[in-house]
Amino acid sequence: MNATSPEAAPGSAAAPGPEAALAPAPAPGRIILLTTSHRVAPGLLSWPAWQALHAADRVLCADGAHPQLPYLCEAGIAVEETSPTAEDLVGACAGGKTVVVVATGEGESTLTDGLARLAGSGRVSMPDLELLPASYDLPGARLLDLVQVMDRIRAECPWSSQQTHKGLAKYGIEEAYELVEAIEEGDRDELREELGDVLLQVVFHARIAEEDPDTPFSIDDVAGGIVSKLIHRHPHVFGDATATTPEEVKEHWLRTKAIEKQRTSVTEGVPLGQPGLALAAKLASRVRTAGLDVPLPPTEGLGYDLLALAVRAEADGIDPEAALRAAARAYRDAIQEVEEG
């Protein structure tokens, strides 16, 4: 029998038939990287996450103290505490198996980098890789981090632990001015930073307030109070009232505020410690809104001239404080030009 005979010699390997040539390659399997947010209570996972966990052939986690593990155990899911390499993980998926990796709080950068290198080598049949967020942050979630960081700083920082409301007051004023400056300069990066500094003051004061022995309150009380106020003063959004123009919205706001405060004078609630032009404009605004006819004091002098200018600016819809700051900045630029020339 020659070598070209279609019949194989006894004991020799048979040539693969067409059925063998068409046999599908073994399925490479599937890797699911399951991520969770520490800002969401453990155990509150998405339905696709629970489905993937229950259907997986193996569930792995490198952190035996991961906050999700007790809840997975309670749901009947066996989790192996192990830190597989990329090669180990690909091997675990052989034969079409699905392996879920519960990511640690620091992420799984070493593992994902290893998988990327394997895929780029072209030498390995890679499993399907899926990133599945099991829980994720809602808008505002990073505020929880700020509260936690502030709580630790208050407890452990020698300077922060000694601060009081009165001691921090000057910083609140400074940060507010710096925020206004960032707005007027139009610097977006600076605006973001200054908003953070103002927010820090709010959280810091709220943290100090928790320690008051008589009337403590927390950042949740602060937030709850402003939420209630906003809802109550926006009946056109949260109620049955109607407002189609900014003027109607302002009317709703002022009417609701007047009912809440039950003030006997339009001057109540106007902080006298604010800058003079702003104070004059605020008083003029209260007078105008209330429809009062209050003549300016007849006394002469620079202060009364400035008062008259502030009242006139407010009537014309101009913020005299902002206008003066703009003029002062122009004056500053002129000074610098003379100095450089």
Protein backbone atom coordinates (compact mmCIF):
# COMPACT_ATOMS: atom_id res chain seq x y z
CA MET A 1 0.00 0.00 0.00
CA ASN A 2 1.53 3.27 -1.00
CA ALA A 3 1.58 6.46 1.00
CA THR A 4 -1.17 7.96 -1.08
CA SER A 5 -3.63 5.18 -0.44
CA PRO A 6 -6.83 6.40 1.21
CA GLU A 7 -6.68 3.40 3.50
CA ALA A 8 -4.59 3.83 6.59
CA ALA A 9 -2.13 1.13 7.55
CA PRO A 10 -2.99 -0.93 10.64
CA GLY A 11 -1.93 0.85 13.80
CA SER A 12 -1.43 4.21 12.10
CA ALA A 13 -3.34 7.39 13.01
CA ALA A 14 -6.36 7.93 10.90
CA ALA A 15 -6.49 11.15 8.89
CA PRO A 16 -9.00 13.66 10.29
CA GLY A 17 -12.32 13.45 8.58
CA PRO A 18 -14.50 16.42 7.52
CA GLU A 19 -16.50 16.16 10.73
CA ALA A 20 -13.38 16.68 12.83
CA ALA A 21 -12.25 19.59 10.67
CA LEU A 22 -15.56 21.36 11.25
CA ALA A 23 -15.67 20.74 15.01
CA PRO A 24 -15.95 24.05 16.88
CA ALA A 25 -13.01 25.25 18.91
CA PRO A 26 -13.44 25.09 22.68
CA ALA A 27 -15.26 28.15 23.99
CA PRO A 28 -12.82 30.57 25.66
CA GLY A 29 -15.23 31.39 28.45
CA ARG A 30 -16.04 34.67 30.11
CA ILE A 31 -14.50 36.92 32.75
CA ILE A 32 -16.77 39.37 34.58
CA LEU A 33 -15.12 42.10 36.63
CA LEU A 34 -17.73 43.13 39.19
CA THR A 35 -17.29 46.61 40.64
CA THR A 36 -19.13 48.16 43.57
CA SER A 37 -19.22 51.57 45.23
CA HIS A 38 -18.34 51.93 48.90
CA ARG A 39 -20.80 54.83 48.99
CA VAL A 40 -23.71 52.43 48.47
CA ALA A 41 -24.75 50.12 51.30
CA PRO A 42 -23.28 46.60 50.87
CA GLY A 43 -25.71 44.07 49.48
CA LEU A 44 -27.58 46.59 47.37
CA LEU A 45 -26.50 45.25 44.00
CA SER A 46 -28.08 45.56 40.57
CA TRP A 47 -30.22 42.71 39.25
CA PRO A 48 -27.73 41.95 36.39
CA ALA A 49 -25.02 41.64 39.05
CA TRP A 50 -27.02 39.13 41.08
CA GLN A 51 -27.80 37.18 37.91
CA ALA A 52 -24.12 37.03 36.96
CA LEU A 53 -23.09 35.97 40.46
CA HIS A 54 -25.62 33.14 40.63
CA ALA A 55 -24.82 31.90 37.12
CA ALA A 56 -21.02 31.98 37.48
CA ASP A 57 -18.97 28.81 37.67
CA ARG A 58 -16.60 30.49 40.12
CA VAL A 59 -16.63 33.76 42.08
CA LEU A 60 -13.28 35.12 43.21
CA CYS A 61 -12.26 37.98 45.48
CA ALA A 62 -8.78 38.97 46.66
CA ASP A 63 -10.04 40.76 49.77
CA GLY A 64 -11.41 38.47 52.44
CA ALA A 65 -12.75 41.51 54.32
CA HIS A 66 -14.63 42.91 51.32
CA PRO A 67 -17.89 44.41 52.65
CA GLN A 68 -19.96 42.61 50.02
CA LEU A 69 -18.85 39.09 51.00
CA PRO A 70 -21.23 38.53 53.95
CA TYR A 71 -24.18 39.44 51.74
CA LEU A 72 -23.01 37.18 48.91
CA CYS A 73 -22.61 34.34 51.41
CA GLU A 74 -26.11 35.00 52.75
CA ALA A 75 -27.41 34.73 49.18
CA GLY A 76 -25.80 31.29 48.82
CA ILE A 77 -22.89 32.36 46.62
CA ALA A 78 -19.56 30.68 47.35
CA VAL A 79 -16.70 33.15 47.06
CA GLU A 80 -13.07 32.00 46.85
CA GLU A 81 -10.55 34.30 48.50
CA THR A 82 -7.71 34.33 45.98
CA SER A 83 -5.64 36.71 43.85
CA PRO A 84 -5.33 34.99 40.46
CA THR A 85 -2.86 36.08 37.82
CA ALA A 86 -4.13 36.90 34.36
CA GLU A 87 -2.89 33.48 33.16
CA ASP A 88 -4.67 31.73 36.04
CA LEU A 89 -7.90 33.50 35.25
CA VAL A 90 -7.77 32.68 31.55
CA GLY A 91 -7.11 29.05 32.44
CA ALA A 92 -10.06 29.00 34.86
CA CYS A 93 -12.34 30.01 31.99
CA ALA A 94 -11.24 27.12 29.77
CA GLY A 95 -14.10 25.06 28.40
CA GLY A 96 -16.51 27.97 28.34
CA LYS A 97 -16.66 28.65 32.07
CA THR A 98 -17.67 31.99 33.54
CA VAL A 99 -15.59 33.48 36.34
CA VAL A 100 -16.71 36.55 38.28
CA VAL A 101 -14.02 38.64 40.00
CA VAL A 102 -15.39 40.87 42.78
CA ALA A 103 -13.11 43.90 42.51
CA THR A 104 -11.50 45.27 45.65
CA GLY A 105 -11.81 48.90 46.71
CA GLU A 106 -8.48 49.72 45.05
CA GLY A 107 -9.60 48.14 41.77
CA GLU A 108 -7.85 45.32 39.92
CA SER A 109 -5.31 47.24 37.84
CA THR A 110 -2.64 44.50 38.05
CA LEU A 111 -5.10 41.89 36.84
CA THR A 112 -6.56 43.99 34.04
CA ASP A 113 -3.09 45.09 32.89
CA GLY A 114 -2.07 41.43 32.75
CA LEU A 115 -5.14 40.51 30.73
CA ALA A 116 -4.41 43.36 28.32
CA ARG A 117 -0.85 42.10 27.82
CA LEU A 118 -2.08 38.57 27.15
CA ALA A 119 -4.64 39.82 24.65
CA GLY A 120 -2.03 41.95 22.92
CA SER A 121 0.39 39.04 22.57
CA GLY A 122 -1.91 37.18 20.20
CA ARG A 123 -0.71 33.88 21.65
CA VAL A 124 -3.70 33.16 23.85
CA SER A 125 -7.36 32.59 23.04
CA MET A 126 -8.87 35.19 25.34
CA PRO A 127 -12.18 34.84 27.18
CA ASP A 128 -14.79 37.51 26.77
CA LEU A 129 -14.14 40.29 29.31
CA GLU A 130 -17.02 42.31 30.78
CA LEU A 131 -16.98 45.15 33.27
CA LEU A 132 -20.21 45.01 35.28
CA PRO A 133 -20.98 47.82 37.74
CA ALA A 134 -22.93 46.12 40.51
CA SER A 135 -23.50 49.42 42.31
CA TYR A 136 -22.54 52.89 41.25
CA ASP A 137 -22.51 56.41 42.57
CA LEU A 138 -25.49 58.70 42.22
CA PRO A 139 -24.93 62.44 41.69
CA GLY A 140 -23.63 63.98 44.90
CA ALA A 141 -22.13 60.73 46.19
CA ARG A 142 -18.70 62.29 46.68
CA LEU A 143 -20.24 64.51 49.34
CA LEU A 144 -20.29 61.41 51.54
CA ASP A 145 -16.52 61.19 51.15
CA LEU A 146 -16.20 64.82 52.21
CA VAL A 147 -18.23 64.19 55.35
CA GLN A 148 -16.10 61.15 56.23
CA VAL A 149 -12.82 63.00 55.61
CA MET A 150 -14.00 65.97 57.69
CA ASP A 151 -15.02 63.66 60.51
CA ARG A 152 -11.56 62.11 60.64
CA ILE A 153 -9.78 65.47 60.41
CA ARG A 154 -11.91 66.83 63.26
CA ALA A 155 -10.97 63.84 65.39
CA GLU A 156 -7.26 63.55 64.54
CA CYS A 157 -5.91 66.93 63.40
CA PRO A 158 -4.47 69.05 66.27
CA TRP A 159 -5.54 72.30 64.61
CA SER A 160 -8.95 71.29 63.26
CA SER A 161 -9.98 69.61 66.49
CA GLN A 162 -9.66 72.92 68.36
CA GLN A 163 -11.62 75.15 65.99
CA THR A 164 -14.92 76.83 66.89
CA HIS A 165 -17.66 78.55 64.91
CA LYS A 166 -16.32 81.96 65.93
CA GLY A 167 -12.76 81.03 65.08
CA LEU A 168 -13.74 79.90 61.59
CA ALA A 169 -16.00 82.87 60.82
CA LYS A 170 -13.26 84.92 59.15
CA TYR A 171 -12.42 82.05 56.81
CA GLY A 172 -16.02 81.86 55.67
CA ILE A 173 -15.90 85.54 54.71
CA GLU A 174 -12.57 85.14 52.93
CA GLU A 175 -13.72 82.09 50.97
CA ALA A 176 -16.93 83.83 49.94
CA TYR A 177 -14.95 86.79 48.57
CA GLU A 178 -12.58 84.47 46.73
CA LEU A 179 -15.57 82.70 45.18
CA VAL A 180 -17.00 86.01 44.00
CA GLU A 181 -13.63 86.95 42.53
CA ALA A 182 -13.41 83.65 40.62
CA ILE A 183 -16.89 84.25 39.21
CA GLU A 184 -16.07 87.78 38.13
CA GLU A 185 -12.74 86.72 36.61
CA GLY A 186 -14.43 83.93 34.65
CA ASP A 187 -11.79 81.37 35.69
CA ARG A 188 -13.51 77.98 35.59
CA ASP A 189 -10.76 76.05 37.36
CA GLU A 190 -10.60 78.67 40.09
CA LEU A 191 -14.39 78.65 40.37
CA ARG A 192 -14.46 74.91 40.98
CA GLU A 193 -11.76 75.17 43.62
CA GLU A 194 -13.40 78.08 45.44
CA LEU A 195 -16.76 76.34 45.46
CA GLY A 196 -15.00 73.46 47.19
CA ASP A 197 -13.50 75.83 49.76
CA VAL A 198 -16.92 77.31 50.52
CA LEU A 199 -18.41 73.81 50.78
CA LEU A 200 -15.64 72.88 53.21
CA GLN A 201 -16.70 75.73 55.48
CA VAL A 202 -20.27 74.41 55.54
CA VAL A 203 -19.20 70.85 56.33
CA PHE A 204 -16.65 72.02 58.93
CA HIS A 205 -19.21 74.13 60.81
CA ALA A 206 -21.76 71.29 60.68
CA ARG A 207 -19.19 68.87 62.09
CA ILE A 208 -18.42 71.24 64.97
CA ALA A 209 -22.14 71.67 65.60
CA GLU A 210 -22.49 67.92 66.25
CA GLU A 211 -20.48 68.36 69.44
CA ASP A 212 -22.69 71.04 71.00
CA PRO A 213 -23.95 69.68 74.34
CA ASP A 214 -27.27 71.51 74.24
CA THR A 215 -28.47 71.86 70.64
CA PRO A 216 -26.37 69.64 68.37
CA PHE A 217 -27.11 69.26 64.69
CA SER A 218 -25.37 67.54 61.79
CA ILE A 219 -24.76 68.07 58.09
CA ASP A 220 -27.88 65.96 57.46
CA ASP A 221 -29.92 68.43 59.50
CA VAL A 222 -28.43 71.29 57.50
CA ALA A 223 -29.20 69.58 54.19
CA GLY A 224 -32.66 68.55 55.36
CA GLY A 225 -33.47 72.11 56.34
CA ILE A 226 -32.49 73.62 53.00
CA VAL A 227 -34.31 70.86 51.10
CA SER A 228 -37.52 71.60 52.99
CA LYS A 229 -37.08 75.32 52.41
CA LEU A 230 -36.51 74.91 48.68
CA ILE A 231 -39.54 72.68 48.26
CA HIS A 232 -41.75 74.99 50.29
CA ARG A 233 -40.63 78.09 48.41
CA HIS A 234 -41.07 76.52 44.98
CA PRO A 235 -44.78 75.66 44.93
CA HIS A 236 -44.71 76.13 41.15
CA VAL A 237 -42.29 73.15 40.95
CA PHE A 238 -43.40 70.89 43.80
CA GLY A 239 -46.99 72.04 44.22
CA ASP A 240 -50.01 73.29 42.32
CA ALA A 241 -48.95 76.93 41.92
CA THR A 242 -48.07 78.36 38.53
CA ALA A 243 -45.12 80.55 37.62
CA THR A 244 -44.03 81.15 34.04
CA THR A 245 -41.66 84.10 34.47
CA PRO A 246 -38.73 84.87 36.79
CA GLU A 247 -40.78 87.71 38.25
CA GLU A 248 -43.59 85.36 39.24
CA VAL A 249 -41.06 82.97 40.80
CA LYS A 250 -39.60 85.81 42.85
CA GLU A 251 -43.09 86.83 43.95
CA HIS A 252 -43.78 83.26 45.13
CA TRP A 253 -40.47 83.22 47.00
CA LEU A 254 -40.99 86.53 48.76
CA ARG A 255 -44.60 85.79 49.70
CA THR A 256 -43.72 82.38 51.13
CA LYS A 257 -40.70 83.79 52.94
CA ALA A 258 -42.80 86.55 54.50
CA ILE A 259 -45.28 83.98 55.82
CA GLU A 260 -42.44 81.86 57.24
CA LYS A 261 -40.52 84.67 58.92
CA GLN A 262 -43.44 86.77 60.20
CA ARG A 263 -41.15 89.81 60.34
CA THR A 264 -42.36 93.14 61.65
CA SER A 265 -39.84 95.18 59.61
CA VAL A 266 -38.37 94.85 56.14
CA THR A 267 -34.96 95.46 57.69
CA GLU A 268 -35.06 92.23 59.70
CA GLY A 269 -32.63 89.65 58.42
CA VAL A 270 -30.38 92.19 56.66
CA PRO A 271 -26.83 91.54 57.98
CA LEU A 272 -25.31 94.85 59.02
CA GLY A 273 -21.78 93.43 58.86
CA GLN A 274 -21.71 93.20 55.06
CA PRO A 275 -19.82 95.78 52.95
CA GLY A 276 -21.37 99.25 53.00
CA LEU A 277 -22.47 99.47 49.36
CA ALA A 278 -24.00 95.99 49.50
CA LEU A 279 -25.78 96.90 52.75
CA ALA A 280 -27.21 100.09 51.25
CA ALA A 281 -28.36 98.26 48.12
CA LYS A 282 -29.99 95.49 50.17
CA LEU A 283 -31.95 97.97 52.28
CA ALA A 284 -33.03 99.82 49.13
CA SER A 285 -34.16 96.51 47.60
CA ARG A 286 -36.26 95.69 50.65
CA VAL A 287 -37.87 99.15 50.55
CA ARG A 288 -38.62 98.90 46.84
CA THR A 289 -40.01 95.35 47.07
CA ALA A 290 -42.27 96.33 49.98
CA GLY A 291 -43.57 99.36 48.05
CA LEU A 292 -42.53 101.77 50.80
CA ASP A 293 -41.83 105.45 50.18
CA VAL A 294 -38.77 106.16 52.32
CA PRO A 295 -36.84 109.36 51.48
CA LEU A 296 -33.08 109.34 51.89
CA PRO A 297 -31.71 111.09 54.98
CA PRO A 298 -31.22 114.79 54.17
CA THR A 299 -27.82 114.84 55.87
CA GLU A 300 -24.87 115.78 53.66
CA GLY A 301 -21.48 114.08 53.55
CA LEU A 302 -19.56 111.44 51.61
CA GLY A 303 -21.33 108.54 53.27
CA TYR A 304 -24.75 109.88 52.31
CA ASP A 305 -23.55 110.58 48.77
CA LEU A 306 -22.47 106.93 48.52
CA LEU A 307 -25.81 105.85 49.98
CA ALA A 308 -27.65 107.80 47.28
CA LEU A 309 -25.46 106.22 44.57
CA ALA A 310 -26.12 102.73 45.96
CA VAL A 311 -29.88 103.31 46.06
CA ARG A 312 -29.85 104.64 42.50
CA ALA A 313 -27.78 101.67 41.31
CA GLU A 314 -30.18 99.19 42.92
CA ALA A 315 -33.15 100.90 41.28
CA ASP A 316 -31.38 100.56 37.92
CA GLY A 317 -30.71 96.87 38.47
CA ILE A 318 -26.98 97.35 39.12
CA ASP A 319 -25.06 95.71 41.94
CA PRO A 320 -23.07 98.65 43.30
CA GLU A 321 -20.61 96.41 45.11
CA ALA A 322 -19.81 94.48 41.92
CA ALA A 323 -19.65 97.71 39.92
CA LEU A 324 -17.16 99.21 42.35
CA ARG A 325 -15.05 96.04 42.30
CA ALA A 326 -14.96 96.13 38.49
CA ALA A 327 -13.87 99.77 38.57
CA ALA A 328 -11.25 98.95 41.22
CA ARG A 329 -9.84 96.17 39.04
CA ALA A 330 -9.57 98.59 36.13
CA TYR A 331 -7.79 101.01 38.46
CA ARG A 332 -5.43 98.22 39.53
CA ASP A 333 -4.58 97.49 35.89
CA ALA A 334 -3.90 101.17 35.29
CA ILE A 335 -1.56 101.26 38.29
CA GLN A 336 0.36 98.25 36.99
CA GLU A 337 0.72 99.81 33.54
CA VAL A 338 2.25 102.94 35.08
CA GLU A 339 4.58 100.81 37.20
CA GLU A 340 5.71 98.78 34.17
CA GLY A 341 6.07 101.84 31.92
